[in-house]
Amino acid sequence: MKNVVDGGGAHAPRALRKRIMLVLLVSAAILMIPAIAMQFTSEMNWGPGDFAVAAILLVGAGLCYVGMACKVATKGWRIAIGLGVAFALLTVWVELAVGIFH
């Protein structure tokens, strides 16, 4: 069966690897923000567990988007999937940070 976005063929695995690598690199770049901030202020105080949870959330959301977006053909559906994944990520992040649901 052909991949809808890549058109199938021999290049599909390479394109998927590129997307996964992009998710990992962007996640690492986002995690560098609090790591650098901790060097300049004592108000930012993340431990190893905080970084691990944030990495799991970011990488998981990115891979979830990549996995679902490659199954649809239209840009509108990819945008909708992206918004849904972003909303879910932010909801979990806020819940872990301040506990909005009790």
N, C-alpha and C. Protein backbone atom coordinates (compact mmCIF):
# COMPACT_ATOMS: atom_id res chain seq x y z
N MET A 1 0.84 -1.17 0.00
CA MET A 1 0.00 0.00 0.00
C MET A 1 0.89 1.24 0.00
N LYS A 2 0.53 2.22 -0.79
CA LYS A 2 1.34 3.44 -0.89
C LYS A 2 1.09 4.37 0.28
N ASN A 3 2.14 5.05 0.69
CA ASN A 3 2.03 6.09 1.70
C ASN A 3 1.42 7.31 1.03
N VAL A 4 0.38 7.87 1.62
CA VAL A 4 -0.36 8.96 0.99
C VAL A 4 0.51 10.18 0.77
N VAL A 5 1.28 10.58 1.76
CA VAL A 5 2.06 11.80 1.66
C VAL A 5 3.30 11.61 0.80
N ASP A 6 4.04 10.54 1.03
CA ASP A 6 5.30 10.33 0.33
C ASP A 6 5.14 9.68 -1.03
N GLY A 7 3.98 9.17 -1.32
CA GLY A 7 3.78 8.49 -2.59
C GLY A 7 4.31 7.07 -2.60
N GLY A 8 4.74 6.57 -1.44
CA GLY A 8 5.24 5.21 -1.35
C GLY A 8 6.62 5.09 -1.97
N GLY A 9 7.01 3.89 -2.27
CA GLY A 9 8.28 3.67 -2.93
C GLY A 9 9.44 3.61 -1.97
N ALA A 10 10.65 3.67 -2.52
CA ALA A 10 11.88 3.47 -1.75
C ALA A 10 12.22 4.66 -0.86
N HIS A 11 11.68 5.84 -1.15
CA HIS A 11 12.04 7.04 -0.38
C HIS A 11 11.20 7.23 0.87
N ALA A 12 10.13 6.47 1.03
CA ALA A 12 9.25 6.64 2.18
C ALA A 12 9.97 6.40 3.51
N PRO A 13 10.76 5.35 3.68
CA PRO A 13 11.44 5.17 4.96
C PRO A 13 12.43 6.30 5.27
N ARG A 14 13.12 6.81 4.26
CA ARG A 14 14.07 7.89 4.47
C ARG A 14 13.33 9.15 4.91
N ALA A 15 12.21 9.46 4.30
CA ALA A 15 11.42 10.63 4.68
C ALA A 15 10.90 10.49 6.11
N LEU A 16 10.48 9.30 6.48
CA LEU A 16 10.00 9.07 7.84
C LEU A 16 11.14 9.23 8.85
N ARG A 17 12.30 8.74 8.52
CA ARG A 17 13.47 8.90 9.41
C ARG A 17 13.81 10.37 9.58
N LYS A 18 13.71 11.15 8.50
CA LYS A 18 13.98 12.59 8.58
C LYS A 18 12.98 13.27 9.50
N ARG A 19 11.72 12.90 9.39
CA ARG A 19 10.69 13.50 10.24
C ARG A 19 10.91 13.14 11.71
N ILE A 20 11.27 11.90 11.97
CA ILE A 20 11.53 11.48 13.34
C ILE A 20 12.75 12.21 13.89
N MET A 21 13.79 12.36 13.09
CA MET A 21 14.98 13.09 13.53
C MET A 21 14.63 14.56 13.81
N LEU A 22 13.77 15.14 12.99
CA LEU A 22 13.34 16.52 13.20
C LEU A 22 12.59 16.65 14.54
N VAL A 23 11.73 15.69 14.85
CA VAL A 23 11.01 15.69 16.13
C VAL A 23 12.01 15.65 17.28
N LEU A 24 13.01 14.78 17.19
CA LEU A 24 14.01 14.67 18.25
C LEU A 24 14.83 15.95 18.41
N LEU A 25 15.23 16.54 17.30
CA LEU A 25 16.03 17.77 17.35
C LEU A 25 15.24 18.95 17.90
N VAL A 26 14.00 19.09 17.46
CA VAL A 26 13.16 20.20 17.96
C VAL A 26 12.88 20.00 19.45
N SER A 27 12.61 18.78 19.86
CA SER A 27 12.38 18.51 21.28
C SER A 27 13.61 18.85 22.11
N ALA A 28 14.78 18.47 21.63
CA ALA A 28 16.02 18.79 22.34
C ALA A 28 16.24 20.30 22.40
N ALA A 29 15.93 21.00 21.32
CA ALA A 29 16.09 22.46 21.31
C ALA A 29 15.14 23.12 22.32
N ILE A 30 13.92 22.63 22.39
CA ILE A 30 12.96 23.18 23.36
C ILE A 30 13.44 22.91 24.79
N LEU A 31 14.00 21.73 25.04
CA LEU A 31 14.48 21.40 26.37
C LEU A 31 15.74 22.18 26.75
N MET A 32 16.43 22.73 25.78
CA MET A 32 17.60 23.54 26.08
C MET A 32 17.21 24.88 26.70
N ILE A 33 15.99 25.34 26.45
CA ILE A 33 15.55 26.63 26.98
C ILE A 33 15.56 26.62 28.51
N PRO A 34 14.89 25.66 29.18
CA PRO A 34 14.98 25.67 30.65
C PRO A 34 16.38 25.32 31.16
N ALA A 35 17.11 24.49 30.43
CA ALA A 35 18.47 24.15 30.86
C ALA A 35 19.37 25.38 30.88
N ILE A 36 19.24 26.22 29.87
CA ILE A 36 20.03 27.45 29.81
C ILE A 36 19.52 28.45 30.85
N ALA A 37 18.20 28.55 30.98
CA ALA A 37 17.62 29.49 31.96
C ALA A 37 18.08 29.17 33.38
N MET A 38 18.26 27.90 33.69
CA MET A 38 18.70 27.51 35.03
C MET A 38 20.11 28.01 35.34
N GLN A 39 20.89 28.30 34.31
CA GLN A 39 22.24 28.80 34.52
C GLN A 39 22.25 30.28 34.94
N PHE A 40 21.16 30.99 34.65
CA PHE A 40 21.12 32.43 34.87
C PHE A 40 20.18 32.88 35.99
N THR A 41 19.28 32.01 36.42
CA THR A 41 18.33 32.40 37.45
C THR A 41 18.05 31.22 38.38
N SER A 42 17.80 31.55 39.62
CA SER A 42 17.46 30.50 40.59
C SER A 42 15.96 30.22 40.60
N GLU A 43 15.18 31.03 39.88
CA GLU A 43 13.74 30.83 39.82
C GLU A 43 13.37 29.62 38.97
N MET A 44 14.23 29.24 38.09
CA MET A 44 14.01 28.06 37.25
C MET A 44 14.77 26.92 37.89
N ASN A 45 14.05 25.92 38.38
CA ASN A 45 14.71 24.84 39.11
C ASN A 45 14.11 23.50 38.71
N TRP A 46 14.54 22.99 37.57
CA TRP A 46 14.07 21.69 37.10
C TRP A 46 15.06 20.62 37.54
N GLY A 47 14.53 19.47 37.92
CA GLY A 47 15.36 18.33 38.23
C GLY A 47 15.40 17.37 37.05
N PRO A 48 16.15 16.28 37.19
CA PRO A 48 16.21 15.30 36.09
C PRO A 48 14.83 14.72 35.74
N GLY A 49 13.99 14.53 36.74
CA GLY A 49 12.65 14.01 36.47
C GLY A 49 11.81 14.96 35.64
N ASP A 50 11.96 16.26 35.90
CA ASP A 50 11.22 17.26 35.12
C ASP A 50 11.63 17.22 33.65
N PHE A 51 12.94 17.11 33.42
CA PHE A 51 13.43 17.04 32.04
C PHE A 51 12.97 15.75 31.37
N ALA A 52 12.95 14.66 32.11
CA ALA A 52 12.52 13.37 31.54
C ALA A 52 11.05 13.42 31.15
N VAL A 53 10.21 13.96 32.03
CA VAL A 53 8.78 14.04 31.72
C VAL A 53 8.55 14.97 30.53
N ALA A 54 9.23 16.12 30.52
CA ALA A 54 9.08 17.05 29.40
C ALA A 54 9.54 16.41 28.09
N ALA A 55 10.64 15.67 28.13
CA ALA A 55 11.13 15.00 26.92
C ALA A 55 10.13 13.96 26.43
N ILE A 56 9.57 13.19 27.35
CA ILE A 56 8.59 12.18 26.96
C ILE A 56 7.36 12.83 26.34
N LEU A 57 6.89 13.91 26.94
CA LEU A 57 5.73 14.61 26.40
C LEU A 57 6.01 15.20 25.02
N LEU A 58 7.14 15.88 24.87
CA LEU A 58 7.46 16.52 23.59
C LEU A 58 7.70 15.51 22.48
N VAL A 59 8.52 14.52 22.76
CA VAL A 59 8.81 13.51 21.74
C VAL A 59 7.54 12.70 21.43
N GLY A 60 6.79 12.36 22.46
CA GLY A 60 5.56 11.60 22.25
C GLY A 60 4.56 12.36 21.39
N ALA A 61 4.39 13.64 21.68
CA ALA A 61 3.46 14.45 20.88
C ALA A 61 3.96 14.59 19.44
N GLY A 62 5.26 14.80 19.28
CA GLY A 62 5.81 14.92 17.93
C GLY A 62 5.65 13.65 17.12
N LEU A 63 5.95 12.51 17.74
CA LEU A 63 5.81 11.24 17.03
C LEU A 63 4.35 10.91 16.76
N CYS A 64 3.48 11.29 17.68
CA CYS A 64 2.04 11.10 17.47
C CYS A 64 1.58 11.89 16.25
N TYR A 65 2.02 13.14 16.15
CA TYR A 65 1.67 13.95 14.99
C TYR A 65 2.21 13.34 13.70
N VAL A 66 3.48 12.97 13.70
CA VAL A 66 4.09 12.40 12.50
C VAL A 66 3.35 11.13 12.08
N GLY A 67 3.03 10.28 13.06
CA GLY A 67 2.33 9.04 12.74
C GLY A 67 0.95 9.24 12.17
N MET A 68 0.22 10.21 12.72
CA MET A 68 -1.13 10.44 12.23
C MET A 68 -1.16 11.28 10.96
N ALA A 69 -0.27 12.27 10.86
CA ALA A 69 -0.29 13.16 9.70
C ALA A 69 0.11 12.46 8.41
N CYS A 70 0.91 11.40 8.51
CA CYS A 70 1.32 10.72 7.28
C CYS A 70 0.19 9.84 6.73
N LYS A 71 -0.89 9.70 7.48
CA LYS A 71 -2.01 8.88 7.02
C LYS A 71 -3.07 9.68 6.26
N VAL A 72 -2.97 11.00 6.27
CA VAL A 72 -3.98 11.83 5.61
C VAL A 72 -3.37 12.57 4.43
N ALA A 73 -4.21 12.91 3.47
CA ALA A 73 -3.71 13.50 2.24
C ALA A 73 -3.85 15.02 2.19
N THR A 74 -4.76 15.59 2.96
CA THR A 74 -5.02 17.01 2.81
C THR A 74 -4.34 17.82 3.91
N LYS A 75 -3.99 19.04 3.56
CA LYS A 75 -3.34 19.95 4.50
C LYS A 75 -4.28 20.31 5.65
N GLY A 76 -5.54 20.44 5.36
CA GLY A 76 -6.52 20.77 6.40
C GLY A 76 -6.57 19.74 7.51
N TRP A 77 -6.52 18.46 7.14
CA TRP A 77 -6.52 17.40 8.15
C TRP A 77 -5.22 17.41 8.94
N ARG A 78 -4.11 17.68 8.29
CA ARG A 78 -2.83 17.74 9.02
C ARG A 78 -2.83 18.89 10.02
N ILE A 79 -3.41 20.02 9.64
CA ILE A 79 -3.53 21.15 10.57
C ILE A 79 -4.42 20.77 11.74
N ALA A 80 -5.54 20.12 11.47
CA ALA A 80 -6.45 19.70 12.53
C ALA A 80 -5.77 18.71 13.48
N ILE A 81 -5.02 17.78 12.93
CA ILE A 81 -4.28 16.83 13.77
C ILE A 81 -3.25 17.57 14.62
N GLY A 82 -2.53 18.50 14.01
CA GLY A 82 -1.54 19.28 14.75
C GLY A 82 -2.16 20.07 15.89
N LEU A 83 -3.30 20.69 15.63
CA LEU A 83 -3.98 21.44 16.69
C LEU A 83 -4.46 20.51 17.80
N GLY A 84 -4.98 19.35 17.44
CA GLY A 84 -5.43 18.40 18.45
C GLY A 84 -4.29 17.87 19.30
N VAL A 85 -3.18 17.54 18.68
CA VAL A 85 -2.02 17.06 19.42
C VAL A 85 -1.45 18.17 20.31
N ALA A 86 -1.39 19.40 19.78
CA ALA A 86 -0.88 20.52 20.58
C ALA A 86 -1.79 20.79 21.77
N PHE A 87 -3.10 20.74 21.57
CA PHE A 87 -4.04 20.95 22.68
C PHE A 87 -3.87 19.87 23.74
N ALA A 88 -3.75 18.62 23.32
CA ALA A 88 -3.56 17.53 24.28
C ALA A 88 -2.25 17.70 25.05
N LEU A 89 -1.17 18.04 24.35
CA LEU A 89 0.12 18.26 24.99
C LEU A 89 0.04 19.38 26.02
N LEU A 90 -0.53 20.51 25.63
CA LEU A 90 -0.62 21.64 26.55
C LEU A 90 -1.53 21.35 27.74
N THR A 91 -2.60 20.61 27.52
CA THR A 91 -3.49 20.25 28.62
C THR A 91 -2.76 19.38 29.64
N VAL A 92 -2.02 18.38 29.18
CA VAL A 92 -1.27 17.52 30.10
C VAL A 92 -0.18 18.32 30.79
N TRP A 93 0.52 19.18 30.05
CA TRP A 93 1.60 19.98 30.62
C TRP A 93 1.08 20.90 31.74
N VAL A 94 -0.03 21.58 31.47
CA VAL A 94 -0.61 22.47 32.48
C VAL A 94 -1.09 21.68 33.69
N GLU A 95 -1.69 20.53 33.46
CA GLU A 95 -2.13 19.69 34.58
C GLU A 95 -0.96 19.28 35.45
N LEU A 96 0.13 18.88 34.84
CA LEU A 96 1.31 18.50 35.61
C LEU A 96 1.93 19.70 36.34
N ALA A 97 1.85 20.87 35.72
CA ALA A 97 2.48 22.07 36.31
C ALA A 97 1.68 22.63 37.48
N VAL A 98 0.37 22.81 37.29
CA VAL A 98 -0.42 23.49 38.31
C VAL A 98 -1.62 22.70 38.79
N GLY A 99 -1.96 21.61 38.16
CA GLY A 99 -3.08 20.78 38.60
C GLY A 99 -4.44 21.45 38.39
N ILE A 100 -4.83 21.66 37.14
CA ILE A 100 -6.11 22.32 36.88
C ILE A 100 -7.30 21.40 37.09
N PHE A 101 -7.09 20.09 37.04
CA PHE A 101 -8.17 19.12 37.25
C PHE A 101 -7.98 18.45 38.60
N HIS A 102 -8.93 18.63 39.49
CA HIS A 102 -8.83 17.96 40.79
C HIS A 102 -10.04 17.12 41.02
